[in-house]
Each structure stands twice: as C-alpha cells, then as structure tokens.
Amino acid sequence: MESNAVLLESKSSPINLLNEMHQLRLLGHLCDVTVSVEYQGVRAEFVAHKAVLAATSKFFKEVFLNEKGMDGPRTNVFLNEVQVADFASFLEFVYTAKVEVEEDRVQRMLEIAEKLKCLDLSETCFQLKKQMLESVLLELQNFSESQNSEEESAAQPSVLLESKAAAVAEADQADCLLDPPDSPADSPSNGMSPEMPAAKSKEK
C-alpha cells in the first residue's frame, strides 16, 4: 500500500544558510572571488563567494558565467564608480538580507542595486523611499493643518471684534435718530407742550 507524501520544510534553514555564508565570508573561508572597488582614488578589496553574488546579482551572474578561465584560485572583478561604503553595504545586504544605512544614502543604494542588477535590494530601497516620502507628506499635511487651525483661531477674535464694533456703531446711530438735537429738559414729553405745567401751576 502506498503511503502519502509529507512535506518536510524548515523555516529557519534559509536564515541559517545566510548566517553561515556571512560568517564564512567574514572569516575569508571558501571565498573564490575578490571584488576591487575604486571611487575617486579610494580603493578597497572585498572577498566573497561567487555562488552568493551570482544568486543575488544578475551583473555578477553574467560576469561569472561568461568568464573564460580563472586567473588563479580566485577570480578578480573590478568595479569603478562605486563607493567603497556602498559596496560594503551591498555585500552585507546580499549575505544577510538587511543593512542599516543613513537616509541620504538610500538613493545611492538604489543606484548600486540597479547597476549590479540586484532586484531584492532595488525593491527594498524603493519601498523605503516610498515610506519616507509618505511620512514627509504626512508631516507636511499635519503642519499645514496646524497652520490653518492657528490662522482660523487668530481670525475668529478679530471677526468677533469687528461684529461687536459694527453693533456698537449701529446702536450709536439709532440713539442719534431717537434723541432730538435739543437738550432733554427742553424737549416735550408725553405730547404736552412746555407751557402746560406752567398753566396748571397758575390755576392752582
């Protein structure tokens, strides 16, 4: 009787493999390629494994597959116009799937990823740049909203003052229309003439 097939899958194996390859590179063990990097007179050499570079970079894959013969036990690859710090970060990324860089170097890391045809690094840089742009836009939006609310709160008291001033002016105009130009003592009250009280007093 045939038994059912079962899947044996390790979640930690890819991480362990990367970590082990990274340790081998740092110790210089089993490395079969030296990458010489030079930029504006600054030069450095990095040892690595062809298999790792070929698996993560189409540029290195093409170089290694097209090489005629090895000049010695280790292949040499020369890279111009690539900064030493950027290539060191690139190597750390391809061996560990992560690297910490300054924000202003993200664009340069994207450029080296495109130059070396490293799709994983390109996508990572692109996603990070997108997040950075979104956070900047969010900060700008919050800033403009706070500015608008400050302007509105500053404008409201002046509007209230203007409306109060207009109300006072209207009240003054109304008072001027109600009050006759003569003094209150001389003005007639209740429709009686000024002589009437005098006449009454005479009668008394």
N, C-alpha and C. Protein backbone atom coordinates (compact mmCIF):
# COMPACT_ATOMS: atom_id res chain seq x y z
N MET A 1 0.85 -1.19 0.00
CA MET A 1 0.00 0.00 0.00
C MET A 1 0.89 1.24 0.00
N GLU A 2 0.50 2.20 -0.83
CA GLU A 2 1.30 3.41 -0.99
C GLU A 2 1.04 4.38 0.15
N SER A 3 2.11 4.95 0.72
CA SER A 3 1.93 5.92 1.81
C SER A 3 1.84 7.32 1.23
N ASN A 4 1.15 8.21 1.94
CA ASN A 4 1.00 9.59 1.50
C ASN A 4 2.32 10.35 1.66
N ALA A 5 2.54 11.29 0.74
CA ALA A 5 3.75 12.11 0.82
C ALA A 5 3.55 13.22 1.85
N VAL A 6 4.59 13.51 2.58
CA VAL A 6 4.55 14.60 3.57
C VAL A 6 5.64 15.60 3.24
N LEU A 7 5.40 16.83 3.63
CA LEU A 7 6.35 17.91 3.33
C LEU A 7 7.23 18.17 4.55
N LEU A 8 8.51 18.09 4.36
CA LEU A 8 9.48 18.49 5.39
C LEU A 8 10.03 19.85 4.99
N GLU A 9 9.66 20.85 5.75
CA GLU A 9 10.09 22.22 5.41
C GLU A 9 10.62 22.91 6.65
N SER A 10 11.78 23.53 6.51
CA SER A 10 12.40 24.25 7.62
C SER A 10 12.23 25.75 7.40
N LYS A 11 11.66 26.42 8.39
CA LYS A 11 11.51 27.87 8.32
C LYS A 11 12.84 28.57 8.61
N SER A 12 13.67 27.93 9.42
CA SER A 12 14.92 28.57 9.85
C SER A 12 16.09 28.31 8.91
N SER A 13 15.95 27.32 8.02
CA SER A 13 17.08 26.94 7.17
C SER A 13 17.60 28.07 6.28
N PRO A 14 16.73 28.84 5.59
CA PRO A 14 17.26 29.93 4.76
C PRO A 14 18.05 30.95 5.58
N ILE A 15 17.55 31.27 6.77
CA ILE A 15 18.23 32.24 7.64
C ILE A 15 19.56 31.67 8.11
N ASN A 16 19.55 30.40 8.50
CA ASN A 16 20.78 29.75 8.96
C ASN A 16 21.81 29.68 7.83
N LEU A 17 21.34 29.39 6.63
CA LEU A 17 22.25 29.32 5.47
C LEU A 17 22.91 30.67 5.22
N LEU A 18 22.09 31.73 5.24
CA LEU A 18 22.63 33.08 5.04
C LEU A 18 23.64 33.42 6.14
N ASN A 19 23.27 33.16 7.38
CA ASN A 19 24.17 33.47 8.51
C ASN A 19 25.49 32.73 8.37
N GLU A 20 25.43 31.47 7.97
CA GLU A 20 26.66 30.67 7.84
C GLU A 20 27.53 31.19 6.70
N MET A 21 26.91 31.54 5.57
CA MET A 21 27.66 32.09 4.44
C MET A 21 28.29 33.43 4.82
N HIS A 22 27.56 34.22 5.59
CA HIS A 22 28.07 35.51 6.04
C HIS A 22 29.29 35.32 6.93
N GLN A 23 29.22 34.37 7.84
CA GLN A 23 30.36 34.08 8.73
C GLN A 23 31.57 33.59 7.92
N LEU A 24 31.32 32.73 6.93
CA LEU A 24 32.41 32.24 6.08
C LEU A 24 33.08 33.39 5.33
N ARG A 25 32.27 34.33 4.85
CA ARG A 25 32.84 35.48 4.13
C ARG A 25 33.67 36.35 5.06
N LEU A 26 33.13 36.64 6.27
CA LEU A 26 33.86 37.49 7.22
C LEU A 26 35.20 36.86 7.62
N LEU A 27 35.23 35.54 7.69
CA LEU A 27 36.46 34.83 8.06
C LEU A 27 37.36 34.57 6.84
N GLY A 28 36.84 34.84 5.64
CA GLY A 28 37.62 34.62 4.42
C GLY A 28 37.70 33.18 4.00
N HIS A 29 36.81 32.32 4.50
CA HIS A 29 36.82 30.89 4.19
C HIS A 29 36.03 30.58 2.92
N LEU A 30 36.61 29.76 2.07
CA LEU A 30 35.97 29.26 0.84
C LEU A 30 35.60 30.38 -0.14
N CYS A 31 36.14 31.56 0.05
CA CYS A 31 35.85 32.67 -0.86
C CYS A 31 36.59 32.44 -2.18
N ASP A 32 35.91 32.64 -3.29
CA ASP A 32 36.51 32.38 -4.60
C ASP A 32 36.45 33.58 -5.55
N VAL A 33 36.14 34.76 -5.00
CA VAL A 33 36.16 35.97 -5.82
C VAL A 33 36.62 37.15 -4.97
N THR A 34 37.41 38.01 -5.59
CA THR A 34 37.81 39.27 -4.97
C THR A 34 37.25 40.41 -5.81
N VAL A 35 36.49 41.28 -5.18
CA VAL A 35 35.91 42.43 -5.88
C VAL A 35 36.70 43.67 -5.47
N SER A 36 37.34 44.30 -6.44
CA SER A 36 38.10 45.53 -6.20
C SER A 36 37.22 46.71 -6.56
N VAL A 37 37.03 47.59 -5.60
CA VAL A 37 36.15 48.75 -5.78
C VAL A 37 37.00 50.01 -5.69
N GLU A 38 36.79 50.91 -6.63
CA GLU A 38 37.55 52.18 -6.61
C GLU A 38 36.63 53.33 -6.97
N TYR A 39 36.74 54.41 -6.18
CA TYR A 39 35.91 55.60 -6.44
C TYR A 39 36.69 56.83 -5.98
N GLN A 40 37.01 57.71 -6.92
CA GLN A 40 37.73 58.96 -6.65
C GLN A 40 38.99 58.72 -5.82
N GLY A 41 39.77 57.77 -6.23
CA GLY A 41 41.05 57.50 -5.57
C GLY A 41 40.97 56.61 -4.34
N VAL A 42 39.76 56.34 -3.84
CA VAL A 42 39.59 55.46 -2.68
C VAL A 42 39.36 54.04 -3.21
N ARG A 43 40.20 53.11 -2.74
CA ARG A 43 40.11 51.74 -3.26
C ARG A 43 40.06 50.74 -2.11
N ALA A 44 39.29 49.66 -2.31
CA ALA A 44 39.21 48.60 -1.31
C ALA A 44 38.92 47.28 -2.01
N GLU A 45 39.30 46.19 -1.36
CA GLU A 45 39.05 44.86 -1.91
C GLU A 45 38.16 44.07 -0.96
N PHE A 46 37.22 43.34 -1.55
CA PHE A 46 36.27 42.53 -0.79
C PHE A 46 36.32 41.10 -1.31
N VAL A 47 36.41 40.15 -0.39
CA VAL A 47 36.34 38.74 -0.79
C VAL A 47 34.91 38.24 -0.58
N ALA A 48 34.47 37.36 -1.47
CA ALA A 48 33.10 36.87 -1.39
C ALA A 48 33.02 35.51 -2.08
N HIS A 49 31.80 35.01 -2.17
CA HIS A 49 31.54 33.73 -2.81
C HIS A 49 30.79 33.96 -4.11
N LYS A 50 31.29 33.37 -5.19
CA LYS A 50 30.65 33.54 -6.49
C LYS A 50 29.18 33.13 -6.46
N ALA A 51 28.91 32.01 -5.80
CA ALA A 51 27.53 31.49 -5.80
C ALA A 51 26.56 32.49 -5.17
N VAL A 52 26.99 33.13 -4.08
CA VAL A 52 26.11 34.10 -3.40
C VAL A 52 25.92 35.33 -4.28
N LEU A 53 27.02 35.85 -4.85
CA LEU A 53 26.91 37.04 -5.70
C LEU A 53 26.09 36.74 -6.96
N ALA A 54 26.30 35.56 -7.55
CA ALA A 54 25.56 35.20 -8.77
C ALA A 54 24.08 35.01 -8.49
N ALA A 55 23.77 34.48 -7.30
CA ALA A 55 22.36 34.24 -6.95
C ALA A 55 21.62 35.54 -6.63
N THR A 56 22.33 36.58 -6.25
CA THR A 56 21.66 37.83 -5.82
C THR A 56 21.83 38.97 -6.81
N SER A 57 22.78 38.83 -7.75
CA SER A 57 23.06 39.92 -8.68
C SER A 57 23.21 39.38 -10.10
N LYS A 58 22.36 39.86 -11.01
CA LYS A 58 22.46 39.42 -12.40
C LYS A 58 23.75 39.91 -13.05
N PHE A 59 24.26 41.03 -12.58
CA PHE A 59 25.53 41.55 -13.09
C PHE A 59 26.65 40.55 -12.82
N PHE A 60 26.77 40.10 -11.57
CA PHE A 60 27.82 39.14 -11.22
C PHE A 60 27.56 37.77 -11.88
N LYS A 61 26.31 37.41 -12.01
CA LYS A 61 25.97 36.14 -12.66
C LYS A 61 26.50 36.12 -14.09
N GLU A 62 26.25 37.22 -14.82
CA GLU A 62 26.72 37.32 -16.20
C GLU A 62 28.25 37.29 -16.26
N VAL A 63 28.91 38.00 -15.33
CA VAL A 63 30.37 38.03 -15.30
C VAL A 63 30.93 36.63 -15.08
N PHE A 64 30.41 35.92 -14.09
CA PHE A 64 30.95 34.60 -13.74
C PHE A 64 30.65 33.55 -14.81
N LEU A 65 29.45 33.61 -15.41
CA LEU A 65 29.09 32.62 -16.42
C LEU A 65 29.84 32.84 -17.74
N ASN A 66 30.27 34.08 -17.97
CA ASN A 66 30.94 34.40 -19.23
C ASN A 66 32.46 34.40 -19.13
N GLU A 67 33.00 34.18 -17.94
CA GLU A 67 34.46 34.22 -17.81
C GLU A 67 35.07 32.99 -18.50
N LYS A 68 36.17 33.25 -19.20
CA LYS A 68 36.81 32.18 -19.99
C LYS A 68 37.53 31.21 -19.07
N GLY A 69 38.38 31.73 -18.25
CA GLY A 69 39.14 30.85 -17.36
C GLY A 69 39.55 31.63 -16.13
N MET A 70 39.78 30.95 -15.07
CA MET A 70 40.14 31.64 -13.83
C MET A 70 41.63 31.94 -13.83
N ASP A 71 41.94 33.21 -13.49
CA ASP A 71 43.35 33.59 -13.38
C ASP A 71 43.80 33.34 -11.94
N GLY A 72 44.00 32.09 -11.62
CA GLY A 72 44.40 31.75 -10.26
C GLY A 72 43.25 31.13 -9.51
N PRO A 73 43.48 30.86 -8.20
CA PRO A 73 42.43 30.22 -7.40
C PRO A 73 41.23 31.12 -7.14
N ARG A 74 41.39 32.41 -7.36
CA ARG A 74 40.30 33.35 -7.06
C ARG A 74 40.10 34.31 -8.22
N THR A 75 38.85 34.51 -8.62
CA THR A 75 38.52 35.44 -9.70
C THR A 75 38.58 36.87 -9.16
N ASN A 76 39.06 37.78 -10.01
CA ASN A 76 39.10 39.20 -9.66
C ASN A 76 38.09 39.97 -10.51
N VAL A 77 37.29 40.78 -9.86
CA VAL A 77 36.33 41.64 -10.56
C VAL A 77 36.62 43.08 -10.15
N PHE A 78 36.69 43.99 -11.13
CA PHE A 78 36.97 45.40 -10.85
C PHE A 78 35.71 46.22 -11.07
N LEU A 79 35.37 47.04 -10.08
CA LEU A 79 34.20 47.93 -10.16
C LEU A 79 34.67 49.37 -10.00
N ASN A 80 34.40 50.18 -11.03
CA ASN A 80 34.70 51.61 -10.93
C ASN A 80 33.41 52.37 -10.68
N GLU A 81 33.55 53.59 -10.18
CA GLU A 81 32.41 54.47 -9.90
C GLU A 81 31.42 53.87 -8.91
N VAL A 82 31.92 53.06 -7.99
CA VAL A 82 31.10 52.55 -6.89
C VAL A 82 31.83 52.88 -5.60
N GLN A 83 31.15 53.58 -4.68
CA GLN A 83 31.82 53.96 -3.43
C GLN A 83 32.04 52.74 -2.55
N VAL A 84 33.16 52.76 -1.85
CA VAL A 84 33.56 51.63 -1.00
C VAL A 84 32.48 51.33 0.04
N ALA A 85 31.98 52.37 0.71
CA ALA A 85 30.97 52.17 1.76
C ALA A 85 29.69 51.57 1.18
N ASP A 86 29.33 51.99 -0.04
CA ASP A 86 28.11 51.48 -0.67
C ASP A 86 28.25 50.01 -1.04
N PHE A 87 29.44 49.62 -1.55
CA PHE A 87 29.61 48.21 -1.90
C PHE A 87 29.66 47.33 -0.64
N ALA A 88 30.25 47.86 0.43
CA ALA A 88 30.27 47.12 1.70
C ALA A 88 28.84 46.89 2.18
N SER A 89 27.99 47.91 2.06
CA SER A 89 26.58 47.77 2.46
C SER A 89 25.85 46.80 1.54
N PHE A 90 26.17 46.83 0.24
CA PHE A 90 25.58 45.90 -0.72
C PHE A 90 25.92 44.46 -0.32
N LEU A 91 27.18 44.22 -0.01
CA LEU A 91 27.60 42.86 0.37
C LEU A 91 26.89 42.40 1.63
N GLU A 92 26.79 43.31 2.60
CA GLU A 92 26.10 42.94 3.85
C GLU A 92 24.64 42.58 3.56
N PHE A 93 24.01 43.34 2.65
CA PHE A 93 22.60 43.06 2.33
C PHE A 93 22.45 41.70 1.66
N VAL A 94 23.32 41.38 0.67
CA VAL A 94 23.12 40.12 -0.06
C VAL A 94 23.45 38.91 0.81
N TYR A 95 24.26 39.12 1.85
CA TYR A 95 24.59 38.00 2.74
C TYR A 95 23.67 37.90 3.95
N THR A 96 22.96 38.97 4.29
CA THR A 96 22.11 38.94 5.49
C THR A 96 20.66 39.35 5.23
N ALA A 97 20.37 39.87 4.03
CA ALA A 97 19.03 40.36 3.65
C ALA A 97 18.62 41.61 4.42
N LYS A 98 19.60 42.28 5.03
CA LYS A 98 19.31 43.55 5.71
C LYS A 98 20.60 44.35 5.86
N VAL A 99 20.47 45.65 5.91
CA VAL A 99 21.62 46.53 6.13
C VAL A 99 21.10 47.88 6.61
N GLU A 100 21.84 48.50 7.51
CA GLU A 100 21.45 49.80 8.04
C GLU A 100 22.29 50.88 7.38
N VAL A 101 21.61 51.85 6.78
CA VAL A 101 22.30 52.97 6.11
C VAL A 101 21.65 54.29 6.51
N GLU A 102 22.37 55.37 6.31
CA GLU A 102 21.80 56.70 6.57
C GLU A 102 20.73 57.00 5.51
N GLU A 103 19.78 57.85 5.89
CA GLU A 103 18.67 58.16 4.98
C GLU A 103 19.16 58.73 3.65
N ASP A 104 20.21 59.57 3.71
CA ASP A 104 20.68 60.21 2.48
C ASP A 104 21.46 59.24 1.59
N ARG A 105 21.71 58.00 2.06
CA ARG A 105 22.39 57.00 1.24
C ARG A 105 21.43 56.04 0.56
N VAL A 106 20.15 56.16 0.85
CA VAL A 106 19.17 55.23 0.28
C VAL A 106 19.16 55.35 -1.24
N GLN A 107 19.22 56.58 -1.75
CA GLN A 107 19.23 56.78 -3.20
C GLN A 107 20.46 56.16 -3.83
N ARG A 108 21.61 56.29 -3.17
CA ARG A 108 22.85 55.69 -3.68
C ARG A 108 22.77 54.17 -3.66
N MET A 109 22.15 53.62 -2.62
CA MET A 109 21.98 52.16 -2.56
C MET A 109 21.06 51.67 -3.69
N LEU A 110 20.05 52.47 -4.01
CA LEU A 110 19.17 52.13 -5.13
C LEU A 110 19.95 52.14 -6.44
N GLU A 111 20.84 53.11 -6.59
CA GLU A 111 21.65 53.21 -7.81
C GLU A 111 22.60 52.01 -7.95
N ILE A 112 23.25 51.62 -6.83
CA ILE A 112 24.17 50.47 -6.91
C ILE A 112 23.39 49.19 -7.15
N ALA A 113 22.16 49.10 -6.60
CA ALA A 113 21.32 47.92 -6.85
C ALA A 113 20.97 47.82 -8.32
N GLU A 114 20.68 48.95 -8.95
CA GLU A 114 20.36 48.95 -10.37
C GLU A 114 21.59 48.67 -11.22
N LYS A 115 22.74 49.20 -10.78
CA LYS A 115 23.99 48.97 -11.52
C LYS A 115 24.38 47.49 -11.48
N LEU A 116 24.22 46.86 -10.31
CA LEU A 116 24.60 45.46 -10.15
C LEU A 116 23.42 44.50 -10.40
N LYS A 117 22.28 45.07 -10.79
CA LYS A 117 21.08 44.28 -11.12
C LYS A 117 20.68 43.35 -9.98
N CYS A 118 20.56 43.95 -8.80
CA CYS A 118 20.13 43.21 -7.61
C CYS A 118 18.68 43.58 -7.32
N LEU A 119 17.76 42.73 -7.75
CA LEU A 119 16.33 43.02 -7.67
C LEU A 119 15.85 43.19 -6.23
N ASP A 120 16.32 42.33 -5.32
CA ASP A 120 15.87 42.40 -3.93
C ASP A 120 16.23 43.73 -3.29
N LEU A 121 17.46 44.18 -3.53
CA LEU A 121 17.89 45.47 -2.96
C LEU A 121 17.14 46.63 -3.60
N SER A 122 16.90 46.54 -4.91
CA SER A 122 16.13 47.60 -5.60
C SER A 122 14.74 47.75 -4.99
N GLU A 123 14.05 46.61 -4.82
CA GLU A 123 12.69 46.65 -4.27
C GLU A 123 12.70 47.18 -2.83
N THR A 124 13.70 46.77 -2.05
CA THR A 124 13.80 47.22 -0.65
C THR A 124 14.01 48.72 -0.59
N CYS A 125 14.93 49.23 -1.42
CA CYS A 125 15.20 50.67 -1.45
C CYS A 125 13.97 51.45 -1.92
N PHE A 126 13.31 50.91 -2.94
CA PHE A 126 12.12 51.57 -3.48
C PHE A 126 11.02 51.67 -2.42
N GLN A 127 10.78 50.58 -1.71
CA GLN A 127 9.76 50.57 -0.66
C GLN A 127 10.11 51.56 0.45
N LEU A 128 11.40 51.59 0.83
CA LEU A 128 11.83 52.50 1.89
C LEU A 128 11.67 53.96 1.46
N LYS A 129 12.04 54.25 0.21
CA LYS A 129 11.88 55.61 -0.30
C LYS A 129 10.42 56.01 -0.32
N LYS A 130 9.55 55.08 -0.67
CA LYS A 130 8.10 55.34 -0.69
C LYS A 130 7.61 55.67 0.72
N GLN A 131 8.05 54.87 1.71
CA GLN A 131 7.66 55.13 3.11
C GLN A 131 8.17 56.49 3.58
N MET A 132 9.41 56.80 3.22
CA MET A 132 9.99 58.09 3.61
C MET A 132 9.21 59.25 3.01
N LEU A 133 8.84 59.10 1.73
CA LEU A 133 8.06 60.15 1.05
C LEU A 133 6.69 60.30 1.69
N GLU A 134 6.05 59.18 2.01
CA GLU A 134 4.73 59.23 2.65
C GLU A 134 4.80 59.91 4.01
N SER A 135 5.86 59.61 4.78
CA SER A 135 5.99 60.23 6.10
C SER A 135 6.23 61.73 5.98
N VAL A 136 7.01 62.13 4.95
CA VAL A 136 7.25 63.57 4.73
C VAL A 136 5.95 64.26 4.34
N LEU A 137 5.18 63.63 3.44
CA LEU A 137 3.89 64.21 3.03
C LEU A 137 2.93 64.31 4.21
N LEU A 138 2.95 63.30 5.08
CA LEU A 138 2.08 63.31 6.26
C LEU A 138 2.48 64.45 7.19
N GLU A 139 3.79 64.65 7.38
CA GLU A 139 4.27 65.75 8.23
C GLU A 139 3.85 67.09 7.65
N LEU A 140 3.99 67.23 6.32
CA LEU A 140 3.59 68.49 5.66
C LEU A 140 2.10 68.73 5.83
N GLN A 141 1.30 67.66 5.69
CA GLN A 141 -0.15 67.79 5.83
C GLN A 141 -0.50 68.21 7.26
N ASN A 142 0.12 67.55 8.25
CA ASN A 142 -0.13 67.92 9.65
C ASN A 142 0.28 69.35 9.93
N PHE A 143 1.42 69.76 9.36
CA PHE A 143 1.92 71.12 9.55
C PHE A 143 0.95 72.14 8.96
N SER A 144 0.48 71.87 7.72
CA SER A 144 -0.44 72.82 7.08
C SER A 144 -1.77 72.88 7.82
N GLU A 145 -2.24 71.72 8.33
CA GLU A 145 -3.49 71.72 9.10
C GLU A 145 -3.34 72.51 10.39
N SER A 146 -2.20 72.37 11.07
CA SER A 146 -1.99 73.12 12.31
C SER A 146 -1.89 74.61 12.01
N GLN A 147 -1.25 74.96 10.86
CA GLN A 147 -1.15 76.37 10.46
C GLN A 147 -2.55 76.94 10.20
N ASN A 148 -3.38 76.17 9.48
CA ASN A 148 -4.74 76.62 9.17
C ASN A 148 -5.57 76.81 10.44
N SER A 149 -5.44 75.88 11.39
CA SER A 149 -6.21 76.00 12.62
C SER A 149 -5.75 77.21 13.42
N GLU A 150 -4.43 77.47 13.39
CA GLU A 150 -3.92 78.66 14.10
C GLU A 150 -4.44 79.93 13.45
N GLU A 151 -4.46 79.94 12.11
CA GLU A 151 -4.96 81.13 11.41
C GLU A 151 -6.44 81.34 11.68
N GLU A 152 -7.20 80.25 11.72
CA GLU A 152 -8.64 80.36 12.00
C GLU A 152 -8.88 80.87 13.41
N SER A 153 -8.14 80.33 14.38
CA SER A 153 -8.33 80.77 15.77
C SER A 153 -7.90 82.22 15.94
N ALA A 154 -6.89 82.63 15.16
CA ALA A 154 -6.45 84.03 15.23
C ALA A 154 -7.47 84.93 14.54
N ALA A 155 -8.13 84.43 13.49
CA ALA A 155 -9.10 85.24 12.75
C ALA A 155 -10.41 85.37 13.49
N GLN A 156 -10.83 84.37 14.26
CA GLN A 156 -12.12 84.41 14.95
C GLN A 156 -12.24 85.59 15.92
N PRO A 157 -11.28 85.87 16.80
CA PRO A 157 -11.42 87.03 17.69
C PRO A 157 -11.54 88.33 16.92
N SER A 158 -10.81 88.49 15.82
CA SER A 158 -10.90 89.74 15.06
C SER A 158 -12.28 89.87 14.43
N VAL A 159 -12.85 88.75 13.98
CA VAL A 159 -14.21 88.77 13.42
C VAL A 159 -15.20 89.18 14.50
N LEU A 160 -15.04 88.61 15.71
CA LEU A 160 -15.92 88.96 16.82
C LEU A 160 -15.80 90.44 17.16
N LEU A 161 -14.57 90.93 17.19
CA LEU A 161 -14.36 92.35 17.50
C LEU A 161 -15.00 93.22 16.44
N GLU A 162 -14.83 92.81 15.15
CA GLU A 162 -15.43 93.60 14.08
C GLU A 162 -16.95 93.61 14.20
N SER A 163 -17.56 92.46 14.52
CA SER A 163 -19.02 92.40 14.64
C SER A 163 -19.49 93.22 15.83
N LYS A 164 -18.72 93.17 16.95
CA LYS A 164 -19.08 93.98 18.11
C LYS A 164 -18.99 95.47 17.79
N ALA A 165 -17.93 95.85 17.08
CA ALA A 165 -17.75 97.25 16.70
C ALA A 165 -18.89 97.71 15.81
N ALA A 166 -19.29 96.85 14.88
CA ALA A 166 -20.40 97.19 13.98
C ALA A 166 -21.69 97.34 14.77
N ALA A 167 -21.90 96.46 15.76
CA ALA A 167 -23.11 96.53 16.58
C ALA A 167 -23.14 97.83 17.39
N VAL A 168 -21.99 98.20 17.95
CA VAL A 168 -21.91 99.45 18.73
C VAL A 168 -22.19 100.64 17.83
N ALA A 169 -21.63 100.63 16.62
CA ALA A 169 -21.84 101.74 15.69
C ALA A 169 -23.32 101.84 15.33
N GLU A 170 -23.98 100.72 15.08
CA GLU A 170 -25.41 100.74 14.76
C GLU A 170 -26.22 101.28 15.93
N ALA A 171 -25.84 100.88 17.14
CA ALA A 171 -26.56 101.37 18.32
C ALA A 171 -26.40 102.88 18.46
N ASP A 172 -25.20 103.39 18.21
CA ASP A 172 -24.97 104.84 18.28
C ASP A 172 -25.82 105.57 17.26
N GLN A 173 -25.91 105.03 16.05
CA GLN A 173 -26.72 105.67 15.02
C GLN A 173 -28.19 105.69 15.45
N ALA A 174 -28.65 104.57 16.03
CA ALA A 174 -30.05 104.51 16.48
C ALA A 174 -30.30 105.53 17.57
N ASP A 175 -29.39 105.70 18.50
CA ASP A 175 -29.54 106.69 19.58
C ASP A 175 -29.61 108.09 18.99
N CYS A 176 -28.78 108.36 17.99
CA CYS A 176 -28.78 109.69 17.39
C CYS A 176 -30.13 109.97 16.72
N LEU A 177 -30.74 108.97 16.12
CA LEU A 177 -32.02 109.17 15.46
C LEU A 177 -33.15 109.38 16.47
N LEU A 178 -33.10 108.71 17.62
CA LEU A 178 -34.14 108.81 18.62
C LEU A 178 -34.07 110.13 19.38
N ASP A 179 -32.85 110.55 19.73
CA ASP A 179 -32.70 111.77 20.53
C ASP A 179 -32.82 112.99 19.64
N PRO A 180 -33.68 114.00 20.04
CA PRO A 180 -33.74 115.25 19.28
C PRO A 180 -32.50 116.08 19.57
N PRO A 181 -32.22 117.02 18.70
CA PRO A 181 -30.99 117.81 18.87
C PRO A 181 -31.01 118.66 20.13
N ASP A 182 -32.21 119.11 20.60
CA ASP A 182 -32.25 119.97 21.81
C ASP A 182 -31.97 119.14 23.05
N SER A 183 -31.73 119.82 24.14
CA SER A 183 -31.44 119.14 25.40
C SER A 183 -32.70 118.46 25.92
N PRO A 184 -32.58 117.42 26.76
CA PRO A 184 -33.77 116.70 27.24
C PRO A 184 -34.73 117.57 28.05
N ALA A 185 -34.23 118.60 28.70
CA ALA A 185 -35.10 119.45 29.54
C ALA A 185 -36.06 120.24 28.68
N ASP A 186 -35.59 120.68 27.50
CA ASP A 186 -36.43 121.49 26.63
C ASP A 186 -37.39 120.66 25.80
N SER A 187 -37.12 119.35 25.71
CA SER A 187 -37.93 118.55 24.79
C SER A 187 -39.30 118.26 25.41
N PRO A 188 -40.37 118.19 24.58
CA PRO A 188 -41.71 117.89 25.10
C PRO A 188 -41.78 116.44 25.50
N SER A 189 -42.53 116.12 26.54
CA SER A 189 -42.70 114.74 26.97
C SER A 189 -44.17 114.41 27.01
N ASN A 190 -44.53 113.23 26.58
CA ASN A 190 -45.90 112.72 26.55
C ASN A 190 -46.83 113.61 25.72
N GLY A 191 -46.27 114.27 24.72
CA GLY A 191 -47.09 115.07 23.81
C GLY A 191 -47.59 116.37 24.42
N MET A 192 -47.15 116.80 25.60
CA MET A 192 -47.60 118.05 26.24
C MET A 192 -46.60 119.15 25.94
N SER A 193 -47.09 120.37 25.76
CA SER A 193 -46.22 121.50 25.47
C SER A 193 -45.60 122.00 26.76
N PRO A 194 -44.50 122.71 26.67
CA PRO A 194 -43.83 123.20 27.88
C PRO A 194 -44.70 124.14 28.69
N GLU A 195 -45.65 124.82 28.03
CA GLU A 195 -46.45 125.80 28.77
C GLU A 195 -47.48 125.13 29.67
N MET A 196 -47.85 123.92 29.42
CA MET A 196 -48.93 123.26 30.15
C MET A 196 -48.65 123.18 31.65
N PRO A 197 -47.48 122.73 32.07
CA PRO A 197 -47.27 122.66 33.51
C PRO A 197 -47.35 124.05 34.14
N ALA A 198 -46.85 125.07 33.41
CA ALA A 198 -46.88 126.41 33.95
C ALA A 198 -48.31 126.90 34.13
N ALA A 199 -49.14 126.58 33.17
CA ALA A 199 -50.54 126.98 33.24
C ALA A 199 -51.23 126.31 34.40
N LYS A 200 -50.95 125.05 34.63
CA LYS A 200 -51.54 124.32 35.75
C LYS A 200 -51.16 124.96 37.08
N SER A 201 -49.88 125.35 37.16
CA SER A 201 -49.42 125.96 38.42
C SER A 201 -50.12 127.30 38.65
N LYS A 202 -50.41 128.03 37.58
CA LYS A 202 -51.11 129.29 37.71
C LYS A 202 -52.52 129.07 38.22
N GLU A 203 -53.17 128.04 37.66
CA GLU A 203 -54.53 127.75 38.08
C GLU A 203 -54.57 127.43 39.56
N LYS A 204 -53.57 126.67 40.01
CA LYS A 204 -53.53 126.32 41.42
C LYS A 204 -53.36 127.55 42.23
